[in-house]
Amino acid sequence: MSQQLTSLGSISAISLFVEDVPAAKAFYEDVFGVETVFEDDTSACVRFDGLFVNLVSVSSAEELVDVVEPARR
């Protein structure tokens, strides 16, 4: 039995894979006024109150995430 998520209040961090980390970081800073709390060559992390958004270069995806074929229904 699956449980439905009714609140995002318990989520504190998400990671988004982006093509251009500096452009994505600039977008979040300019549009939402968030601060960058971490940055390196392949990622940046911005903070929305209690939510951290990790902006990770797509080129890093293969070393961070195992790619698997989706399950059939």
PDB file of N, CA and C in Angstrom:
ATOM      1  N   MET A   1       0.850  -1.167   0.000  1.00  0.00           N
ATOM      2  CA  MET A   1       0.000   0.000   0.000  1.00  0.00           C
ATOM      3  C   MET A   1       0.896   1.230   0.000  1.00  0.00           C
ATOM      4  N   SER A   2       0.605   2.195  -0.872  1.00  0.00           N
ATOM      5  CA  SER A   2       1.413   3.403  -0.917  1.00  0.00           C
ATOM      6  C   SER A   2       0.777   4.488  -0.074  1.00  0.00           C
ATOM      7  N   GLN A   3       1.634   5.333   0.455  1.00  0.00           N
ATOM      8  CA  GLN A   3       1.179   6.423   1.303  1.00  0.00           C
ATOM      9  C   GLN A   3       1.259   7.715   0.503  1.00  0.00           C
ATOM     10  N   GLN A   4       0.198   8.517   0.519  1.00  0.00           N
ATOM     11  CA  GLN A   4       0.174   9.760  -0.234  1.00  0.00           C
ATOM     12  C   GLN A   4       0.885  10.861   0.550  1.00  0.00           C
ATOM     13  N   LEU A   5       1.739  11.610  -0.134  1.00  0.00           N
ATOM     14  CA  LEU A   5       2.429  12.726   0.482  1.00  0.00           C
ATOM     15  C   LEU A   5       1.465  13.907   0.528  1.00  0.00           C
ATOM     16  N   THR A   6       1.189  14.402   1.714  1.00  0.00           N
ATOM     17  CA  THR A   6       0.235  15.494   1.849  1.00  0.00           C
ATOM     18  C   THR A   6       0.897  16.813   2.191  1.00  0.00           C
ATOM     19  N   SER A   7       2.163  16.816   2.578  1.00  0.00           N
ATOM     20  CA  SER A   7       2.841  18.045   2.952  1.00  0.00           C
ATOM     21  C   SER A   7       4.293  17.981   2.514  1.00  0.00           C
ATOM     22  N   LEU A   8       4.781  19.088   1.996  1.00  0.00           N
ATOM     23  CA  LEU A   8       6.191  19.156   1.625  1.00  0.00           C
ATOM     24  C   LEU A   8       7.032  19.740   2.757  1.00  0.00           C
ATOM     25  N   GLY A   9       6.411  19.972   3.897  1.00  0.00           N
ATOM     26  CA  GLY A   9       7.098  20.579   5.032  1.00  0.00           C
ATOM     27  C   GLY A   9       8.296  19.801   5.540  1.00  0.00           C
ATOM     28  N   SER A  10       8.329  18.506   5.310  1.00  0.00           N
ATOM     29  CA  SER A  10       9.437  17.702   5.824  1.00  0.00           C
ATOM     30  C   SER A  10      10.585  17.573   4.821  1.00  0.00           C
ATOM     31  N   ILE A  11      10.422  18.111   3.635  1.00  0.00           N
ATOM     32  CA  ILE A  11      11.495  18.057   2.638  1.00  0.00           C
ATOM     33  C   ILE A  11      12.437  19.223   2.888  1.00  0.00           C
ATOM     34  N   SER A  12      13.723  18.924   3.054  1.00  0.00           N
ATOM     35  CA  SER A  12      14.680  19.990   3.348  1.00  0.00           C
ATOM     36  C   SER A  12      15.673  20.236   2.217  1.00  0.00           C
ATOM     37  N   ALA A  13      15.753  19.299   1.255  1.00  0.00           N
ATOM     38  CA  ALA A  13      16.691  19.489   0.151  1.00  0.00           C
ATOM     39  C   ALA A  13      16.215  18.722  -1.080  1.00  0.00           C
ATOM     40  N   ILE A  14      16.422  19.334  -2.241  1.00  0.00           N
ATOM     41  CA  ILE A  14      16.168  18.655  -3.509  1.00  0.00           C
ATOM     42  C   ILE A  14      17.347  18.938  -4.436  1.00  0.00           C
ATOM     43  N   SER A  15      17.577  18.061  -5.390  1.00  0.00           N
ATOM     44  CA  SER A  15      18.633  18.260  -6.374  1.00  0.00           C
ATOM     45  C   SER A  15      18.010  18.322  -7.753  1.00  0.00           C
ATOM     46  N   LEU A  16      18.434  19.321  -8.516  1.00  0.00           N
ATOM     47  CA  LEU A  16      17.974  19.488  -9.885  1.00  0.00           C
ATOM     48  C   LEU A  16      19.185  19.425 -10.800  1.00  0.00           C
ATOM     49  N   PHE A  17      19.114  18.606 -11.830  1.00  0.00           N
ATOM     50  CA  PHE A  17      20.200  18.535 -12.793  1.00  0.00           C
ATOM     51  C   PHE A  17      19.946  19.574 -13.874  1.00  0.00           C
ATOM     52  N   VAL A  18      20.935  20.436 -14.111  1.00  0.00           N
ATOM     53  CA  VAL A  18      20.793  21.548 -15.043  1.00  0.00           C
ATOM     54  C   VAL A  18      21.936  21.535 -16.056  1.00  0.00           C
ATOM     55  N   GLU A  19      21.676  22.095 -17.225  1.00  0.00           N
ATOM     56  CA  GLU A  19      22.702  22.174 -18.273  1.00  0.00           C
ATOM     57  C   GLU A  19      23.764  23.219 -17.944  1.00  0.00           C
ATOM     58  N   ASP A  20      23.346  24.339 -17.360  1.00  0.00           N
ATOM     59  CA  ASP A  20      24.241  25.472 -17.124  1.00  0.00           C
ATOM     60  C   ASP A  20      24.083  25.934 -15.669  1.00  0.00           C
ATOM     61  N   VAL A  21      24.996  25.501 -14.808  1.00  0.00           N
ATOM     62  CA  VAL A  21      24.902  25.813 -13.375  1.00  0.00           C
ATOM     63  C   VAL A  21      24.961  27.322 -13.111  1.00  0.00           C
ATOM     64  N   PRO A  22      25.911  28.068 -13.689  1.00  0.00           N
ATOM     65  CA  PRO A  22      25.937  29.514 -13.415  1.00  0.00           C
ATOM     66  C   PRO A  22      24.644  30.229 -13.847  1.00  0.00           C
ATOM     67  N   ALA A  23      24.075  29.835 -14.983  1.00  0.00           N
ATOM     68  CA  ALA A  23      22.824  30.457 -15.444  1.00  0.00           C
ATOM     69  C   ALA A  23      21.664  30.092 -14.522  1.00  0.00           C
ATOM     70  N   ALA A  24      21.600  28.844 -14.082  1.00  0.00           N
ATOM     71  CA  ALA A  24      20.524  28.412 -13.178  1.00  0.00           C
ATOM     72  C   ALA A  24      20.654  29.130 -11.835  1.00  0.00           C
ATOM     73  N   LYS A  25      21.881  29.240 -11.333  1.00  0.00           N
ATOM     74  CA  LYS A  25      22.115  29.947 -10.068  1.00  0.00           C
ATOM     75  C   LYS A  25      21.693  31.403 -10.187  1.00  0.00           C
ATOM     76  N   ALA A  26      22.069  32.056 -11.278  1.00  0.00           N
ATOM     77  CA  ALA A  26      21.693  33.456 -11.504  1.00  0.00           C
ATOM     78  C   ALA A  26      20.174  33.610 -11.571  1.00  0.00           C
ATOM     79  N   PHE A  27      19.495  32.661 -12.221  1.00  0.00           N
ATOM     80  CA  PHE A  27      18.030  32.692 -12.300  1.00  0.00           C
ATOM     81  C   PHE A  27      17.414  32.672 -10.905  1.00  0.00           C
ATOM     82  N   TYR A  28      17.817  31.727 -10.067  1.00  0.00           N
ATOM     83  CA  TYR A  28      17.252  31.614  -8.724  1.00  0.00           C
ATOM     84  C   TYR A  28      17.572  32.849  -7.877  1.00  0.00           C
ATOM     85  N   GLU A  29      18.784  33.370  -8.009  1.00  0.00           N
ATOM     86  CA  GLU A  29      19.147  34.575  -7.258  1.00  0.00           C
ATOM     87  C   GLU A  29      18.333  35.783  -7.718  1.00  0.00           C
ATOM     88  N   ASP A  30      18.220  35.965  -9.040  1.00  0.00           N
ATOM     89  CA  ASP A  30      17.534  37.136  -9.592  1.00  0.00           C
ATOM     90  C   ASP A  30      16.021  37.079  -9.404  1.00  0.00           C
ATOM     91  N   VAL A  31      15.426  35.935  -9.672  1.00  0.00           N
ATOM     92  CA  VAL A  31      13.966  35.813  -9.624  1.00  0.00           C
ATOM     93  C   VAL A  31      13.440  35.662  -8.198  1.00  0.00           C
ATOM     94  N   PHE A  32      14.111  34.850  -7.386  1.00  0.00           N
ATOM     95  CA  PHE A  32      13.609  34.551  -6.043  1.00  0.00           C
ATOM     96  C   PHE A  32      14.374  35.260  -4.923  1.00  0.00           C
ATOM     97  N   GLY A  33      15.496  35.884  -5.257  1.00  0.00           N
ATOM     98  CA  GLY A  33      16.273  36.593  -4.241  1.00  0.00           C
ATOM     99  C   GLY A  33      16.914  35.690  -3.208  1.00  0.00           C
ATOM    100  N   VAL A  34      17.204  34.448  -3.589  1.00  0.00           N
ATOM    101  CA  VAL A  34      17.807  33.504  -2.646  1.00  0.00           C
ATOM    102  C   VAL A  34      19.315  33.700  -2.601  1.00  0.00           C
ATOM    103  N   GLU A  35      19.922  33.202  -1.529  1.00  0.00           N
ATOM    104  CA  GLU A  35      21.378  33.280  -1.413  1.00  0.00           C
ATOM    105  C   GLU A  35      22.009  31.944  -1.801  1.00  0.00           C
ATOM    106  N   THR A  36      23.195  32.011  -2.373  1.00  0.00           N
ATOM    107  CA  THR A  36      23.971  30.812  -2.676  1.00  0.00           C
ATOM    108  C   THR A  36      24.768  30.457  -1.434  1.00  0.00           C
ATOM    109  N   VAL A  37      24.587  29.222  -0.953  1.00  0.00           N
ATOM    110  CA  VAL A  37      25.267  28.802   0.271  1.00  0.00           C
ATOM    111  C   VAL A  37      26.456  27.884   0.000  1.00  0.00           C
ATOM    112  N   PHE A  38      26.549  27.385  -1.236  1.00  0.00           N
ATOM    113  CA  PHE A  38      27.672  26.528  -1.618  1.00  0.00           C
ATOM    114  C   PHE A  38      27.813  26.591  -3.131  1.00  0.00           C
ATOM    115  N   GLU A  39      29.056  26.507  -3.588  1.00  0.00           N
ATOM    116  CA  GLU A  39      29.301  26.500  -5.033  1.00  0.00           C
ATOM    117  C   GLU A  39      30.655  25.855  -5.303  1.00  0.00           C
ATOM    118  N   ASP A  40      30.700  25.007  -6.342  1.00  0.00           N
ATOM    119  CA  ASP A  40      31.972  24.473  -6.813  1.00  0.00           C
ATOM    120  C   ASP A  40      31.920  24.412  -8.340  1.00  0.00           C
ATOM    121  N   ASP A  41      32.824  23.658  -8.960  1.00  0.00           N
ATOM    122  CA  ASP A  41      32.899  23.629 -10.428  1.00  0.00           C
ATOM    123  C   ASP A  41      31.680  23.006 -11.091  1.00  0.00           C
ATOM    124  N   THR A  42      30.972  22.116 -10.404  1.00  0.00           N
ATOM    125  CA  THR A  42      29.869  21.397 -11.046  1.00  0.00           C
ATOM    126  C   THR A  42      28.522  21.563 -10.357  1.00  0.00           C
ATOM    127  N   SER A  43      28.459  22.409  -9.322  1.00  0.00           N
ATOM    128  CA  SER A  43      27.184  22.561  -8.621  1.00  0.00           C
ATOM    129  C   SER A  43      27.117  23.876  -7.857  1.00  0.00           C
ATOM    130  N   ALA A  44      25.898  24.203  -7.465  1.00  0.00           N
ATOM    131  CA  ALA A  44      25.648  25.341  -6.580  1.00  0.00           C
ATOM    132  C   ALA A  44      24.434  24.978  -5.741  1.00  0.00           C
ATOM    133  N   CYS A  45      24.372  25.510  -4.550  1.00  0.00           N
ATOM    134  CA  CYS A  45      23.241  25.246  -3.677  1.00  0.00           C
ATOM    135  C   CYS A  45      22.673  26.585  -3.217  1.00  0.00           C
ATOM    136  N   VAL A  46      21.363  26.772  -3.455  1.00  0.00           N
ATOM    137  CA  VAL A  46      20.694  27.987  -3.010  1.00  0.00           C
ATOM    138  C   VAL A  46      19.711  27.619  -1.909  1.00  0.00           C
ATOM    139  N   ARG A  47      19.409  28.600  -1.043  1.00  0.00           N
ATOM    140  CA  ARG A  47      18.553  28.316   0.108  1.00  0.00           C
ATOM    141  C   ARG A  47      17.294  29.162   0.063  1.00  0.00           C
ATOM    142  N   PHE A  48      16.146  28.483   0.145  1.00  0.00           N
ATOM    143  CA  PHE A  48      14.841  29.101   0.322  1.00  0.00           C
ATOM    144  C   PHE A  48      14.424  28.803   1.755  1.00  0.00           C
ATOM    145  N   ASP A  49      14.510  29.741   2.657  1.00  0.00           N
ATOM    146  CA  ASP A  49      14.157  29.500   4.060  1.00  0.00           C
ATOM    147  C   ASP A  49      14.685  28.139   4.509  1.00  0.00           C
ATOM    148  N   GLY A  50      13.818  27.125   4.672  1.00  0.00           N
ATOM    149  CA  GLY A  50      14.247  25.820   5.146  1.00  0.00           C
ATOM    150  C   GLY A  50      14.469  24.793   4.045  1.00  0.00           C
ATOM    151  N   LEU A  51      14.526  25.222   2.772  1.00  0.00           N
ATOM    152  CA  LEU A  51      14.702  24.294   1.656  1.00  0.00           C
ATOM    153  C   LEU A  51      15.977  24.623   0.901  1.00  0.00           C
ATOM    154  N   PHE A  52      16.841  23.630   0.753  1.00  0.00           N
ATOM    155  CA  PHE A  52      18.054  23.775  -0.046  1.00  0.00           C
ATOM    156  C   PHE A  52      17.800  23.177  -1.423  1.00  0.00           C
ATOM    157  N   VAL A  53      18.144  23.931  -2.468  1.00  0.00           N
ATOM    158  CA  VAL A  53      18.005  23.450  -3.839  1.00  0.00           C
ATOM    159  C   VAL A  53      19.416  23.306  -4.407  1.00  0.00           C
ATOM    160  N   ASN A  54      19.803  22.059  -4.654  1.00  0.00           N
ATOM    161  CA  ASN A  54      21.108  21.763  -5.229  1.00  0.00           C
ATOM    162  C   ASN A  54      20.989  21.792  -6.738  1.00  0.00           C
ATOM    163  N   LEU A  55      21.739  22.671  -7.375  1.00  0.00           N
ATOM    164  CA  LEU A  55      21.772  22.771  -8.830  1.00  0.00           C
ATOM    165  C   LEU A  55      23.031  22.046  -9.292  1.00  0.00           C
ATOM    166  N   VAL A  56      22.845  20.912  -9.922  1.00  0.00           N
ATOM    167  CA  VAL A  56      23.973  20.037 -10.261  1.00  0.00           C
ATOM    168  C   VAL A  56      24.084  19.922 -11.777  1.00  0.00           C
ATOM    169  N   SER A  57      25.288  20.021 -12.276  1.00  0.00           N
ATOM    170  CA  SER A  57      25.523  19.903 -13.710  1.00  0.00           C
ATOM    171  C   SER A  57      25.115  18.526 -14.219  1.00  0.00           C
ATOM    172  N   VAL A  58      24.449  18.509 -15.351  1.00  0.00           N
ATOM    173  CA  VAL A  58      24.017  17.237 -15.946  1.00  0.00           C
ATOM    174  C   VAL A  58      25.227  16.341 -16.211  1.00  0.00           C
ATOM    175  N   SER A  59      26.355  16.952 -16.476  1.00  0.00           N
ATOM    176  CA  SER A  59      27.557  16.150 -16.746  1.00  0.00           C
ATOM    177  C   SER A  59      27.997  15.341 -15.522  1.00  0.00           C
ATOM    178  N   SER A  60      27.532  15.712 -14.349  1.00  0.00           N
ATOM    179  CA  SER A  60      27.862  14.984 -13.120  1.00  0.00           C
ATOM    180  C   SER A  60      26.851  13.895 -12.790  1.00  0.00           C
ATOM    181  N   ALA A  61      25.764  13.848 -13.512  1.00  0.00           N
ATOM    182  CA  ALA A  61      24.660  12.940 -13.170  1.00  0.00           C
ATOM    183  C   ALA A  61      25.088  11.481 -13.146  1.00  0.00           C
ATOM    184  N   GLU A  62      25.855  11.075 -14.129  1.00  0.00           N
ATOM    185  CA  GLU A  62      26.219   9.663 -14.235  1.00  0.00           C
ATOM    186  C   GLU A  62      27.005   9.170 -13.025  1.00  0.00           C
ATOM    187  N   GLU A  63      27.846  10.017 -12.445  1.00  0.00           N
ATOM    188  CA  GLU A  63      28.625   9.587 -11.282  1.00  0.00           C
ATOM    189  C   GLU A  63      27.838   9.695  -9.980  1.00  0.00           C
ATOM    190  N   LEU A  64      26.702  10.393 -10.001  1.00  0.00           N
ATOM    191  CA  LEU A  64      25.908  10.586  -8.788  1.00  0.00           C
ATOM    192  C   LEU A  64      24.674   9.705  -8.707  1.00  0.00           C
ATOM    193  N   VAL A  65      24.130   9.328  -9.861  1.00  0.00           N
ATOM    194  CA  VAL A  65      22.855   8.601  -9.888  1.00  0.00           C
ATOM    195  C   VAL A  65      23.002   7.367 -10.766  1.00  0.00           C
ATOM    196  N   ASP A  66      22.549   6.235 -10.271  1.00  0.00           N
ATOM    197  CA  ASP A  66      22.524   5.023 -11.087  1.00  0.00           C
ATOM    198  C   ASP A  66      21.331   5.087 -12.023  1.00  0.00           C
ATOM    199  N   VAL A  67      21.583   4.913 -13.297  1.00  0.00           N
ATOM    200  CA  VAL A  67      20.505   4.926 -14.280  1.00  0.00           C
ATOM    201  C   VAL A  67      19.984   3.511 -14.428  1.00  0.00           C
ATOM    202  N   VAL A  68      18.690   3.344 -14.245  1.00  0.00           N
ATOM    203  CA  VAL A  68      18.058   2.039 -14.368  1.00  0.00           C
ATOM    204  C   VAL A  68      16.822   2.180 -15.234  1.00  0.00           C
ATOM    205  N   GLU A  69      16.442   1.074 -15.844  1.00  0.00           N
ATOM    206  CA  GLU A  69      15.230   1.059 -16.655  1.00  0.00           C
ATOM    207  C   GLU A  69      14.019   1.092 -15.728  1.00  0.00           C
ATOM    208  N   PRO A  70      13.013   1.925 -16.054  1.00  0.00           N
ATOM    209  CA  PRO A  70      11.813   1.984 -15.199  1.00  0.00           C
ATOM    210  C   PRO A  70      11.108   0.635 -15.146  1.00  0.00           C
ATOM    211  N   ALA A  71      10.467   0.362 -14.030  1.00  0.00           N
ATOM    212  CA  ALA A  71       9.700  -0.882 -13.880  1.00  0.00           C
ATOM    213  C   ALA A  71       8.452  -0.846 -14.742  1.00  0.00           C
ATOM    214  N   ARG A  72       8.039  -1.986 -15.186  1.00  0.00           N
ATOM    215  CA  ARG A  72       6.787  -2.067 -15.955  1.00  0.00           C
ATOM    216  C   ARG A  72       5.621  -2.119 -14.998  1.00  0.00           C
ATOM    217  N   ARG A  73       4.507  -1.605 -15.450  1.00  0.00           N
ATOM    218  CA  ARG A  73       3.289  -1.597 -14.609  1.00  0.00           C
ATOM    219  C   ARG A  73       2.567  -2.904 -14.684  1.00  0.00           C
TER     220      ARG A  73
END
